[in-house]
N, C-alpha and C. Protein backbone atom coordinates (compact mmCIF):
# COMPACT_ATOMS: atom_id res chain seq x y z
N MET A 1 17.13 5.05 -32.94
CA MET A 1 17.06 4.62 -31.24
C MET A 1 16.79 5.76 -30.91
N THR A 2 15.84 5.29 -29.36
CA THR A 2 14.86 5.99 -28.85
C THR A 2 15.30 5.87 -27.20
N GLY A 3 15.18 7.19 -26.53
CA GLY A 3 15.28 7.04 -25.20
C GLY A 3 15.39 8.21 -24.73
N GLY A 4 15.74 8.73 -23.70
CA GLY A 4 15.39 9.79 -22.53
C GLY A 4 14.45 10.49 -23.05
N HIS A 5 14.50 11.83 -23.06
CA HIS A 5 13.08 13.16 -23.60
C HIS A 5 12.82 12.70 -25.01
N SER A 6 13.66 11.97 -25.90
CA SER A 6 12.88 11.67 -27.05
C SER A 6 12.01 10.23 -26.99
N ALA A 7 11.59 9.80 -25.69
CA ALA A 7 10.71 8.89 -25.57
C ALA A 7 9.65 9.29 -24.90
N GLU A 8 9.83 10.76 -24.86
CA GLU A 8 8.59 11.46 -23.82
C GLU A 8 7.70 12.23 -24.34
N GLY A 9 6.33 12.09 -24.14
CA GLY A 9 5.36 13.19 -24.75
C GLY A 9 4.57 12.12 -25.91
N ALA A 10 3.45 12.39 -26.64
CA ALA A 10 3.26 12.16 -27.96
C ALA A 10 4.08 11.95 -28.91
N GLU A 11 4.65 13.11 -29.40
CA GLU A 11 5.21 13.62 -30.50
C GLU A 11 6.21 12.56 -30.47
N LEU A 12 6.98 12.30 -31.60
CA LEU A 12 8.10 11.72 -32.35
C LEU A 12 9.26 12.70 -32.29
N SER A 13 10.41 12.57 -31.71
CA SER A 13 11.53 13.56 -31.51
C SER A 13 12.82 12.96 -31.87
N PHE A 14 13.50 13.97 -32.40
CA PHE A 14 14.60 13.65 -33.10
C PHE A 14 15.95 14.33 -32.48
N GLY A 15 16.64 13.56 -32.24
CA GLY A 15 18.24 14.17 -31.77
C GLY A 15 19.24 13.77 -31.97
N LEU A 16 20.25 14.62 -32.21
CA LEU A 16 21.68 14.73 -32.17
C LEU A 16 22.78 14.31 -31.15
N SER A 17 23.85 13.96 -31.56
CA SER A 17 24.82 13.61 -30.31
C SER A 17 26.47 14.21 -30.93
N VAL A 18 26.78 14.99 -30.16
CA VAL A 18 27.95 15.72 -30.72
C VAL A 18 28.91 15.27 -29.67
N ASN A 19 30.18 14.51 -30.58
CA ASN A 19 31.15 13.74 -29.58
C ASN A 19 32.43 14.79 -29.96
N GLY A 20 33.28 14.80 -28.75
CA GLY A 20 34.76 15.69 -28.88
C GLY A 20 35.82 15.38 -27.92
N LEU A 21 36.81 16.22 -27.92
CA LEU A 21 37.84 15.57 -27.06
C LEU A 21 37.73 16.66 -25.76
N VAL A 22 38.63 16.72 -25.01
CA VAL A 22 38.50 17.46 -23.40
C VAL A 22 39.73 17.18 -23.04
N ASP A 23 40.33 18.51 -22.15
CA ASP A 23 41.92 18.45 -21.84
C ASP A 23 41.18 18.47 -20.49
N MET A 24 41.69 16.95 -19.98
CA MET A 24 41.20 16.53 -18.62
C MET A 24 41.95 17.81 -17.30
N ASP A 25 43.04 18.30 -17.67
CA ASP A 25 43.91 19.33 -16.90
C ASP A 25 43.08 20.45 -16.33
N SER A 26 42.17 20.63 -17.50
CA SER A 26 41.35 21.89 -17.20
C SER A 26 39.94 21.87 -17.41
N ALA A 27 39.08 20.54 -17.48
CA ALA A 27 37.79 20.58 -17.46
C ALA A 27 37.52 20.75 -16.14
N TRP A 28 36.19 20.78 -16.06
CA TRP A 28 35.40 20.93 -14.76
C TRP A 28 34.59 19.76 -14.53
N SER A 29 34.25 19.25 -13.34
CA SER A 29 33.32 18.36 -13.29
C SER A 29 32.12 18.59 -12.44
N LYS A 30 31.44 17.33 -12.19
CA LYS A 30 30.08 18.19 -11.13
C LYS A 30 30.97 17.89 -9.51
N ALA A 31 32.05 17.19 -9.79
CA ALA A 31 32.46 16.79 -8.27
C ALA A 31 33.61 17.89 -8.08
N GLY A 32 33.55 17.98 -6.93
CA GLY A 32 34.83 18.86 -6.46
C GLY A 32 34.42 19.99 -5.64
N LEU A 33 33.06 20.18 -5.27
CA LEU A 33 32.42 21.51 -4.51
C LEU A 33 33.77 21.25 -3.21
N GLN A 34 33.69 22.22 -2.93
CA GLN A 34 34.35 22.59 -1.58
C GLN A 34 33.97 23.36 -0.50
N VAL A 35 33.93 22.97 0.86
CA VAL A 35 32.71 23.78 1.88
C VAL A 35 33.19 25.16 1.98
N GLY A 36 32.21 25.80 2.06
CA GLY A 36 32.19 27.54 1.85
C GLY A 36 32.44 27.91 0.53
N ASP A 37 32.12 26.87 -0.55
CA ASP A 37 31.82 27.64 -1.63
C ASP A 37 30.81 28.34 -1.72
N ALA A 38 30.63 29.26 -2.69
CA ALA A 38 29.48 29.78 -3.10
C ALA A 38 28.88 29.22 -4.37
N LEU A 39 27.53 29.23 -4.46
CA LEU A 39 26.86 28.50 -5.54
C LEU A 39 26.37 29.53 -6.53
N LEU A 40 26.46 29.89 -7.65
CA LEU A 40 26.18 30.88 -8.85
C LEU A 40 25.40 30.35 -9.91
N LEU A 41 24.18 30.88 -10.47
CA LEU A 41 23.42 30.60 -11.53
C LEU A 41 23.29 31.51 -12.37
N THR A 42 23.83 31.28 -13.80
CA THR A 42 24.24 32.16 -14.82
C THR A 42 23.02 32.81 -15.47
N LYS A 43 21.47 31.75 -15.56
CA LYS A 43 20.61 32.20 -16.06
C LYS A 43 19.45 31.82 -15.19
N PRO A 44 18.09 32.58 -15.51
CA PRO A 44 17.07 32.08 -14.62
C PRO A 44 16.38 31.03 -15.07
N ILE A 45 15.59 30.21 -14.21
CA ILE A 45 14.79 29.26 -14.54
C ILE A 45 13.41 29.64 -14.79
N GLY A 46 12.83 28.36 -15.03
CA GLY A 46 11.21 28.50 -15.15
C GLY A 46 10.97 27.86 -16.93
N THR A 47 11.74 27.57 -17.65
CA THR A 47 11.19 27.16 -19.10
C THR A 47 10.24 25.76 -19.43
N GLY A 48 10.16 25.05 -18.41
CA GLY A 48 9.48 24.04 -18.02
C GLY A 48 7.88 24.39 -17.88
N THR A 49 7.96 25.08 -16.90
CA THR A 49 6.34 25.49 -16.45
C THR A 49 5.95 26.59 -17.77
N LEU A 50 6.41 27.56 -18.16
CA LEU A 50 6.09 28.64 -19.29
C LEU A 50 5.79 27.76 -20.39
N PHE A 51 6.50 26.85 -21.40
CA PHE A 51 6.45 26.23 -22.49
C PHE A 51 4.91 25.10 -22.01
N ALA A 52 4.84 24.70 -20.82
CA ALA A 52 3.45 24.17 -20.67
C ALA A 52 2.34 24.94 -20.51
N ALA A 53 2.93 25.83 -20.11
CA ALA A 53 1.75 27.21 -20.57
C ALA A 53 1.51 27.52 -21.60
N ASP A 54 2.28 27.75 -22.54
CA ASP A 54 2.19 28.16 -24.13
C ASP A 54 1.59 27.01 -24.67
N MET A 55 1.66 25.85 -24.26
CA MET A 55 1.18 24.90 -25.18
C MET A 55 -0.29 24.88 -24.80
N ARG A 56 -0.99 25.48 -23.42
CA ARG A 56 -2.34 25.34 -23.25
C ARG A 56 -2.58 27.08 -23.45
N ALA A 57 -2.00 27.62 -24.36
CA ALA A 57 -2.37 29.27 -24.65
C ALA A 57 -2.72 30.20 -23.46
N GLN A 58 -1.91 29.49 -22.21
CA GLN A 58 -2.28 30.32 -21.25
C GLN A 58 -0.76 31.28 -20.54
N ALA A 59 0.32 31.59 -21.43
CA ALA A 59 1.38 32.14 -21.50
C ALA A 59 1.26 33.72 -22.14
N LYS A 60 1.88 34.75 -21.65
CA LYS A 60 1.79 35.78 -22.18
C LYS A 60 2.84 35.69 -23.49
N GLY A 61 2.89 36.36 -24.47
CA GLY A 61 3.75 36.21 -25.40
C GLY A 61 5.04 36.87 -25.02
N ARG A 62 4.93 37.88 -24.31
CA ARG A 62 6.56 38.46 -24.09
C ARG A 62 7.14 37.44 -23.01
N TRP A 63 6.44 36.60 -22.59
CA TRP A 63 6.85 35.88 -21.56
C TRP A 63 7.62 34.80 -22.44
N ILE A 64 7.19 34.27 -23.07
CA ILE A 64 7.94 33.06 -24.38
C ILE A 64 8.89 34.00 -24.93
N ASP A 65 8.74 34.93 -25.26
CA ASP A 65 9.67 35.86 -26.12
C ASP A 65 11.23 35.87 -25.49
N SER A 66 10.91 35.96 -23.83
CA SER A 66 12.07 35.94 -23.23
C SER A 66 12.37 34.88 -22.75
N ALA A 67 11.82 33.85 -22.51
CA ALA A 67 12.10 32.38 -22.52
C ALA A 67 13.08 32.25 -23.71
N LEU A 68 12.60 32.19 -24.60
CA LEU A 68 13.31 32.27 -25.97
C LEU A 68 14.64 32.68 -25.87
N ASP A 69 14.86 34.08 -25.44
CA ASP A 69 15.97 34.63 -25.56
C ASP A 69 16.89 34.41 -24.61
N SER A 70 16.45 33.69 -23.40
CA SER A 70 17.40 33.19 -22.63
C SER A 70 18.04 31.77 -23.19
N MET A 71 17.20 31.19 -23.57
CA MET A 71 17.69 29.83 -24.00
C MET A 71 18.35 29.79 -25.19
N MET A 72 18.19 31.09 -26.00
CA MET A 72 19.28 31.37 -27.01
C MET A 72 20.77 31.95 -26.63
N LEU A 73 21.04 32.27 -25.27
CA LEU A 73 22.20 32.74 -24.89
C LEU A 73 22.71 32.07 -24.72
N SER A 74 24.07 31.63 -25.51
CA SER A 74 24.83 30.67 -25.02
C SER A 74 25.65 30.74 -24.04
N SER A 75 25.95 29.48 -23.54
CA SER A 75 27.06 29.89 -22.13
C SER A 75 28.57 29.65 -22.53
N GLN A 76 28.68 29.86 -23.51
CA GLN A 76 30.34 30.06 -23.81
C GLN A 76 31.14 30.89 -23.58
N GLN A 77 30.54 32.47 -23.44
CA GLN A 77 31.15 33.53 -22.85
C GLN A 77 31.25 32.98 -21.62
N ALA A 78 30.11 32.42 -20.63
CA ALA A 78 30.24 32.50 -19.14
C ALA A 78 31.35 31.54 -18.75
N ALA A 79 31.36 30.66 -19.82
CA ALA A 79 32.70 29.57 -19.42
C ALA A 79 33.74 30.30 -19.77
N GLN A 80 34.24 30.99 -20.44
CA GLN A 80 35.48 31.78 -20.71
C GLN A 80 35.65 32.67 -19.69
N CYS A 81 34.64 33.11 -19.11
CA CYS A 81 34.76 34.34 -17.86
C CYS A 81 35.12 33.67 -16.69
N LEU A 82 34.65 32.31 -16.81
CA LEU A 82 34.76 31.68 -15.40
C LEU A 82 35.75 31.14 -15.24
N MET A 83 36.85 31.14 -16.52
CA MET A 83 38.10 30.91 -16.22
C MET A 83 39.21 31.37 -15.49
N GLN A 84 38.55 32.56 -15.18
CA GLN A 84 39.72 33.75 -14.41
C GLN A 84 39.47 33.27 -12.90
N TYR A 85 38.35 32.51 -12.70
CA TYR A 85 38.26 32.28 -11.35
C TYR A 85 38.52 30.47 -10.76
N LYS A 86 38.70 30.37 -9.57
CA LYS A 86 38.81 28.99 -8.96
C LYS A 86 37.55 28.19 -8.77
N VAL A 87 37.38 28.19 -9.97
CA VAL A 87 35.69 27.18 -10.40
C VAL A 87 36.31 25.31 -9.62
N SER A 88 35.59 25.41 -8.71
CA SER A 88 35.48 24.10 -7.96
C SER A 88 34.89 22.95 -8.74
N ALA A 89 33.54 23.24 -9.22
CA ALA A 89 32.42 22.19 -9.84
C ALA A 89 31.72 23.34 -10.74
N CYS A 90 31.38 22.48 -11.88
CA CYS A 90 30.22 23.30 -12.72
C CYS A 90 29.21 22.12 -13.60
N THR A 91 28.48 22.40 -13.54
CA THR A 91 27.16 21.60 -14.73
C THR A 91 26.34 22.62 -15.14
N ASP A 92 25.69 22.26 -16.25
CA ASP A 92 24.63 22.92 -17.30
C ASP A 92 22.90 22.53 -16.29
N LEU A 93 22.21 23.39 -16.12
CA LEU A 93 20.91 22.93 -15.96
C LEU A 93 19.98 22.54 -17.17
N THR A 94 19.59 21.28 -16.93
CA THR A 94 18.89 20.72 -18.15
C THR A 94 17.34 19.96 -17.40
N GLY A 95 17.12 19.05 -17.94
CA GLY A 95 15.95 18.63 -17.55
C GLY A 95 15.41 17.92 -16.11
N PHE A 96 16.77 17.64 -15.23
CA PHE A 96 16.47 17.53 -13.99
C PHE A 96 16.43 18.65 -12.73
N GLY A 97 16.53 19.74 -13.41
CA GLY A 97 15.65 20.69 -12.54
C GLY A 97 16.90 21.09 -11.72
N LEU A 98 17.00 22.47 -10.94
CA LEU A 98 18.24 23.04 -10.23
C LEU A 98 18.03 22.16 -9.22
N LEU A 99 17.42 21.46 -8.47
CA LEU A 99 17.35 20.78 -7.25
C LEU A 99 18.25 19.70 -7.80
N GLY A 100 17.71 18.67 -8.89
CA GLY A 100 18.22 17.66 -9.26
C GLY A 100 19.90 17.91 -9.71
N HIS A 101 20.08 18.86 -10.33
CA HIS A 101 21.50 19.03 -10.61
C HIS A 101 22.60 19.09 -9.58
N LEU A 102 22.18 19.98 -8.62
CA LEU A 102 22.59 20.13 -7.37
C LEU A 102 22.76 18.89 -6.86
N LEU A 103 21.78 18.14 -6.40
CA LEU A 103 21.88 16.97 -5.95
C LEU A 103 22.97 16.14 -6.33
N GLU A 104 23.23 16.10 -7.56
CA GLU A 104 24.35 15.14 -8.14
C GLU A 104 25.69 15.75 -8.19
N MET A 105 25.86 17.04 -7.64
CA MET A 105 26.76 17.87 -7.49
C MET A 105 27.34 17.60 -5.90
N THR A 106 26.27 17.44 -5.30
CA THR A 106 26.49 17.11 -3.63
C THR A 106 27.35 15.64 -3.50
N LYS A 107 26.68 14.97 -4.22
CA LYS A 107 26.49 13.31 -4.18
C LYS A 107 27.90 13.51 -4.43
N ALA A 108 28.34 13.70 -5.79
CA ALA A 108 29.64 13.45 -6.23
C ALA A 108 30.84 14.34 -5.37
N SER A 109 30.41 15.26 -4.48
CA SER A 109 31.51 15.73 -3.77
C SER A 109 31.17 15.77 -2.03
N GLN A 110 30.58 14.52 -2.22
CA GLN A 110 30.22 14.39 -0.83
C GLN A 110 30.18 15.57 0.39
N VAL A 111 29.30 16.63 -0.21
CA VAL A 111 29.25 17.68 0.58
C VAL A 111 27.46 17.77 1.04
N ASP A 112 27.04 19.18 1.49
CA ASP A 112 25.66 19.39 1.51
C ASP A 112 25.77 20.66 0.85
N ALA A 113 24.50 21.03 0.99
CA ALA A 113 24.42 22.41 0.40
C ALA A 113 23.34 22.82 0.84
N GLU A 114 22.73 24.56 0.75
CA GLU A 114 21.81 25.12 1.04
C GLU A 114 21.65 25.99 0.00
N LEU A 115 20.27 26.41 -0.30
CA LEU A 115 19.80 27.34 -1.67
C LEU A 115 19.07 28.34 -0.83
N TYR A 116 19.87 29.61 -1.52
CA TYR A 116 18.78 30.85 -0.98
C TYR A 116 17.85 30.68 -2.10
N ILE A 117 16.21 30.42 -1.54
CA ILE A 117 15.32 30.25 -2.66
C ILE A 117 14.97 31.58 -3.14
N ASP A 118 14.90 32.72 -2.26
CA ASP A 118 14.49 33.92 -2.84
C ASP A 118 15.43 34.67 -3.60
N GLN A 119 16.68 34.40 -3.99
CA GLN A 119 17.98 34.73 -4.46
C GLN A 119 17.89 33.96 -5.76
N ILE A 120 17.13 32.79 -6.52
CA ILE A 120 16.98 32.09 -7.56
C ILE A 120 16.23 32.91 -8.53
N PRO A 121 17.02 33.10 -9.33
CA PRO A 121 16.68 34.04 -10.87
C PRO A 121 15.43 33.37 -11.26
N LEU A 122 14.30 34.12 -11.71
CA LEU A 122 13.29 33.50 -12.38
C LEU A 122 12.64 33.86 -14.00
N LEU A 123 12.54 33.14 -14.54
CA LEU A 123 12.27 33.89 -16.00
C LEU A 123 10.97 34.73 -15.89
N ASP A 124 10.24 35.79 -16.60
CA ASP A 124 9.44 36.52 -16.45
C ASP A 124 7.74 35.67 -16.36
N GLY A 125 6.92 35.55 -15.36
CA GLY A 125 5.88 34.70 -15.75
C GLY A 125 6.05 33.38 -15.35
N ALA A 126 7.05 32.95 -15.03
CA ALA A 126 7.39 31.38 -14.20
C ALA A 126 6.51 31.23 -13.12
N GLN A 127 6.82 32.17 -12.17
CA GLN A 127 6.08 32.18 -10.70
C GLN A 127 4.88 32.30 -11.35
N GLU A 128 4.08 33.22 -12.23
CA GLU A 128 2.28 33.18 -12.37
C GLU A 128 2.18 31.59 -12.66
N THR A 129 2.84 31.23 -13.98
CA THR A 129 2.47 30.02 -14.27
C THR A 129 2.21 28.54 -13.20
N VAL A 130 3.13 28.97 -12.60
CA VAL A 130 3.35 27.89 -11.35
C VAL A 130 2.22 27.95 -10.46
N ASN A 131 2.09 29.29 -10.31
CA ASN A 131 0.71 29.69 -9.14
C ASN A 131 -0.63 29.06 -9.66
N ALA A 132 -0.44 29.28 -10.96
CA ALA A 132 -1.69 29.23 -11.81
C ALA A 132 -1.94 27.24 -11.69
N GLY A 133 -0.49 26.59 -11.29
CA GLY A 133 -0.63 24.95 -11.33
C GLY A 133 -0.66 24.57 -12.42
N ILE A 134 0.46 25.13 -13.51
CA ILE A 134 0.78 24.56 -14.63
C ILE A 134 2.43 24.29 -14.51
N LEU A 135 2.19 22.92 -14.77
CA LEU A 135 3.74 22.49 -14.32
C LEU A 135 3.95 21.53 -15.80
N SER A 136 5.43 21.09 -15.92
CA SER A 136 6.13 20.47 -17.01
C SER A 136 5.25 18.87 -16.84
N SER A 137 5.10 18.32 -18.06
CA SER A 137 5.09 16.85 -17.83
C SER A 137 5.80 16.35 -17.08
N LEU A 138 7.37 16.60 -16.79
CA LEU A 138 8.61 16.07 -16.46
C LEU A 138 8.67 16.25 -14.68
N GLN A 139 7.59 17.62 -14.65
CA GLN A 139 7.50 18.00 -13.36
C GLN A 139 7.55 16.62 -12.03
N PRO A 140 6.41 15.77 -12.43
CA PRO A 140 6.76 14.60 -11.04
C PRO A 140 7.61 14.02 -11.14
N GLN A 141 8.53 13.58 -12.25
CA GLN A 141 9.31 12.46 -11.90
C GLN A 141 10.86 13.42 -11.17
N ASN A 142 10.91 14.81 -11.40
CA ASN A 142 11.65 15.44 -10.56
C ASN A 142 11.30 15.72 -9.35
N LEU A 143 9.93 15.67 -8.92
CA LEU A 143 9.66 15.88 -7.38
C LEU A 143 9.93 14.78 -6.81
N ARG A 144 10.18 13.55 -7.27
CA ARG A 144 10.63 12.77 -6.26
C ARG A 144 12.37 12.98 -5.48
N LEU A 145 12.61 13.82 -5.91
CA LEU A 145 13.92 14.36 -5.43
C LEU A 145 13.84 15.07 -4.36
N LYS A 146 12.30 15.58 -3.92
CA LYS A 146 12.34 16.32 -2.51
C LYS A 146 12.71 15.69 -1.79
N ARG A 147 12.84 14.13 -1.10
CA ARG A 147 13.34 13.45 -0.50
C ARG A 147 14.53 13.96 -0.23
N ALA A 148 15.66 14.66 -0.97
CA ALA A 148 16.90 15.39 -0.59
C ALA A 148 16.76 16.31 0.46
N LEU A 149 15.75 16.98 0.76
CA LEU A 149 15.59 18.37 1.37
C LEU A 149 15.80 18.05 3.01
N ASN A 150 16.54 18.18 3.54
CA ASN A 150 16.16 18.17 5.10
C ASN A 150 14.97 19.18 6.13
N ASN A 151 14.87 19.99 5.10
CA ASN A 151 13.84 20.86 5.82
C ASN A 151 12.81 20.91 4.93
N HIS A 152 12.08 19.84 4.34
CA HIS A 152 11.06 19.81 3.29
C HIS A 152 9.84 20.34 3.79
N GLU A 153 9.15 20.74 5.10
CA GLU A 153 8.01 20.83 5.85
C GLU A 153 8.09 22.24 5.57
N LYS A 154 8.93 23.04 5.62
CA LYS A 154 9.26 24.32 5.61
C LYS A 154 9.44 24.96 3.83
N ALA A 155 10.26 24.17 3.02
CA ALA A 155 10.46 24.06 1.96
C ALA A 155 9.29 24.22 1.06
N VAL A 156 8.53 23.49 1.06
CA VAL A 156 7.38 23.40 0.59
C VAL A 156 6.13 24.43 0.77
N GLN A 157 6.37 25.38 1.74
CA GLN A 157 5.46 26.44 1.89
C GLN A 157 5.79 27.70 1.18
N HIS A 158 7.33 27.84 0.79
CA HIS A 158 7.35 28.80 -0.25
C HIS A 158 6.60 28.81 -1.74
N PRO A 159 6.77 29.95 -2.09
CA PRO A 159 5.66 29.81 -3.23
C PRO A 159 6.58 29.49 -4.72
N ARG A 160 8.07 29.61 -4.46
CA ARG A 160 8.93 29.14 -5.38
C ARG A 160 9.22 27.60 -5.31
N TYR A 161 8.69 26.98 -4.34
CA TYR A 161 9.08 25.40 -4.17
C TYR A 161 8.99 25.06 -5.56
N PRO A 162 7.66 24.82 -6.29
CA PRO A 162 7.68 23.74 -7.35
C PRO A 162 8.83 23.95 -8.44
N LEU A 163 9.12 25.60 -8.47
CA LEU A 163 10.32 25.78 -9.35
C LEU A 163 11.77 25.03 -9.37
N LEU A 164 11.65 24.43 -8.13
CA LEU A 164 13.17 23.70 -7.93
C LEU A 164 13.15 22.85 -8.72
N PHE A 165 12.17 21.93 -9.22
CA PHE A 165 11.86 20.92 -9.86
C PHE A 165 11.51 21.12 -11.49
N ASP A 166 11.52 21.97 -11.74
CA ASP A 166 11.23 22.38 -13.02
C ASP A 166 12.35 22.04 -13.79
N PRO A 167 11.86 21.46 -15.02
CA PRO A 167 13.12 20.75 -15.92
C PRO A 167 13.20 21.98 -17.12
N GLN A 168 14.53 22.09 -17.49
CA GLN A 168 15.08 23.31 -17.94
C GLN A 168 15.49 22.63 -19.45
N THR A 169 15.37 23.84 -20.49
CA THR A 169 15.96 23.79 -21.80
C THR A 169 16.78 24.66 -21.99
N ALA A 170 18.16 24.50 -22.70
CA ALA A 170 18.92 25.36 -22.51
C ALA A 170 19.27 26.13 -21.10
N GLY A 171 19.51 25.54 -20.13
CA GLY A 171 19.21 26.46 -18.82
C GLY A 171 20.70 26.83 -18.89
N GLY A 172 20.96 27.39 -17.33
CA GLY A 172 22.51 28.18 -17.59
C GLY A 172 23.42 27.44 -16.79
N LEU A 173 24.53 27.83 -16.46
CA LEU A 173 25.60 27.12 -15.49
C LEU A 173 25.39 27.12 -13.98
N LEU A 174 25.52 26.25 -13.23
CA LEU A 174 25.38 26.08 -11.97
C LEU A 174 26.61 25.97 -11.54
N VAL A 175 27.50 27.04 -10.99
CA VAL A 175 29.00 26.97 -10.97
C VAL A 175 29.21 26.99 -9.28
N ALA A 176 30.42 26.65 -8.79
CA ALA A 176 30.67 26.85 -7.19
C ALA A 176 32.37 27.61 -7.36
N VAL A 177 32.20 28.55 -6.59
CA VAL A 177 33.73 29.11 -6.45
C VAL A 177 34.05 29.71 -5.02
N PRO A 178 35.13 29.74 -4.99
CA PRO A 178 35.17 30.70 -3.30
C PRO A 178 34.46 31.76 -3.13
N SER A 179 34.07 31.53 -1.85
CA SER A 179 33.14 32.67 -1.53
C SER A 179 33.71 33.91 -1.69
N GLU A 180 34.73 34.01 -1.33
CA GLU A 180 35.48 35.58 -1.29
C GLU A 180 35.43 35.81 -3.02
N GLN A 181 35.44 34.92 -3.83
CA GLN A 181 35.61 35.59 -5.25
C GLN A 181 33.98 35.48 -5.92
N ALA A 182 33.25 35.24 -5.16
CA ALA A 182 32.07 35.12 -5.68
C ALA A 182 31.08 36.71 -6.09
N GLU A 183 31.30 37.31 -5.52
CA GLU A 183 30.70 38.78 -6.13
C GLU A 183 31.63 39.56 -7.08
N ALA A 184 32.70 39.00 -7.13
CA ALA A 184 33.60 39.67 -8.36
C ALA A 184 33.10 38.46 -9.55
N CYS A 185 32.93 37.35 -9.62
CA CYS A 185 32.27 36.60 -10.36
C CYS A 185 31.57 36.77 -10.70
N ARG A 186 30.15 37.23 -9.89
CA ARG A 186 29.18 37.38 -10.22
C ARG A 186 29.10 38.70 -11.30
N SER A 187 29.64 39.95 -10.78
CA SER A 187 29.55 40.99 -11.61
C SER A 187 30.22 41.06 -12.99
N ASP A 188 31.31 40.07 -13.09
CA ASP A 188 32.17 39.73 -14.47
C ASP A 188 30.65 39.14 -15.05
N LEU A 189 30.61 38.34 -14.70
CA LEU A 189 29.41 37.52 -15.63
C LEU A 189 27.86 38.39 -16.24
N ILE A 190 27.95 39.17 -15.07
CA ILE A 190 26.72 40.24 -15.80
C ILE A 190 27.03 41.10 -16.47
N SER A 191 28.70 41.27 -16.41
CA SER A 191 29.41 42.27 -17.51
C SER A 191 29.53 41.60 -18.97
N CYS A 192 29.72 40.30 -18.55
CA CYS A 192 29.50 39.47 -20.16
C CYS A 192 28.01 39.15 -20.58
N GLY A 193 27.49 39.74 -20.40
CA GLY A 193 25.88 39.43 -20.94
C GLY A 193 24.85 38.55 -20.09
N TYR A 194 25.34 38.01 -18.69
CA TYR A 194 24.13 36.92 -17.79
C TYR A 194 23.91 37.90 -17.03
N ALA A 195 22.77 39.08 -17.20
CA ALA A 195 22.19 39.90 -16.34
C ALA A 195 21.87 39.26 -15.50
N ASP A 196 21.16 37.90 -15.35
CA ASP A 196 20.46 37.30 -14.33
C ASP A 196 21.34 36.57 -13.03
N THR A 197 22.57 36.61 -13.45
CA THR A 197 23.63 35.87 -12.32
C THR A 197 23.09 36.55 -11.35
N ALA A 198 23.24 35.37 -10.37
CA ALA A 198 22.96 35.52 -8.62
C ALA A 198 23.50 34.42 -8.28
N ILE A 199 23.93 34.94 -7.06
CA ILE A 199 24.72 33.71 -5.99
C ILE A 199 23.24 33.33 -5.19
N ILE A 200 23.30 32.11 -5.23
CA ILE A 200 22.15 31.18 -4.77
C ILE A 200 22.38 30.33 -3.76
N GLY A 201 23.66 30.27 -3.38
CA GLY A 201 24.03 29.31 -2.29
C GLY A 201 25.02 29.10 -1.95
N GLN A 202 25.73 28.11 -0.96
CA GLN A 202 26.72 27.60 -0.59
C GLN A 202 26.75 26.46 -0.24
N VAL A 203 28.08 25.76 -0.13
CA VAL A 203 28.41 24.53 -0.06
C VAL A 203 28.43 24.14 1.92
N LEU A 204 28.04 23.40 2.24
CA LEU A 204 28.61 22.91 3.43
C LEU A 204 28.87 21.66 3.99
N ARG A 205 29.64 21.49 5.08
CA ARG A 205 30.14 20.27 5.09
C ARG A 205 28.72 19.20 5.25
N ALA A 206 29.51 18.34 5.11
CA ALA A 206 28.03 16.83 5.21
C ALA A 206 27.86 16.63 6.44
N ASP A 207 26.64 16.26 6.61
CA ASP A 207 25.90 15.76 7.87
C ASP A 207 25.81 14.59 7.56
N LYS A 208 26.05 13.52 8.08
CA LYS A 208 25.82 11.97 7.75
C LYS A 208 24.11 11.69 8.39
N ASP A 209 23.65 12.70 9.51
CA ASP A 209 22.22 12.74 9.99
C ASP A 209 21.22 13.03 9.36
N THR A 210 21.40 14.00 8.36
CA THR A 210 20.55 14.89 7.48
C THR A 210 20.52 14.68 6.26
N GLN A 211 19.60 15.10 5.56
CA GLN A 211 19.64 15.03 3.96
C GLN A 211 20.38 16.09 3.54
N PRO A 212 21.01 15.85 2.04
CA PRO A 212 22.21 17.10 1.92
C PRO A 212 21.72 18.25 1.54
N LEU A 213 20.35 18.69 1.27
CA LEU A 213 20.02 19.82 0.71
C LEU A 213 19.12 20.80 1.88
N ARG A 214 19.48 21.82 1.59
CA ARG A 214 18.39 22.45 2.75
C ARG A 214 17.83 24.10 2.15
N ILE A 215 16.65 24.46 2.10
CA ILE A 215 16.41 25.71 1.54
C ILE A 215 16.15 26.71 2.52
N VAL A 216 16.81 27.77 2.34
CA VAL A 216 16.86 29.05 3.23
C VAL A 216 16.16 30.21 3.03
N TYR A 217 15.17 30.84 3.59
CA TYR A 217 14.49 32.22 3.41
C TYR A 217 13.96 32.55 4.74
């Protein structure tokens, strides 16, 4: 059976699935965002553009080494750390990119959100490869979600704008906690080995007259 990312590109891909059981009383979902929550991201983004550059022999070795180290960092300890906090919603970043996954969360929770684009952590070299016009083959598909931005004309002027749509492989956790817990949560995650953890936005009350996401800088 093929489908999803296994059908992308010229090369044949092979994938596995893992099934298990979950305690629904303690599980986190994409829904549940609360107005006023802070949004945290545990890993930097940029794997899509970096590996596209690597395939063109236009990425520095240290950039790829750093990206691989980030991808190999398990989110298990981050999840354990987050259990100490009042997590309202959580997801991991994968092929839909940061904006795509945040949009899923806001839709499921019937709220809006704003992103502090300058606070989003980036992998070494990601800004350089984006500036060179090197993007993942999945970027155009993700870019269709730009319609969710209520201030797109301003957002598109920021140099980090393309990275909002960059597809991630083994990305970090995008998590929401009450704003009063955000700094302590960030500090604990850094102590657990997630050195790039950052507070990247907040949850807003839904405005039916505008699109759900806003970029702030």
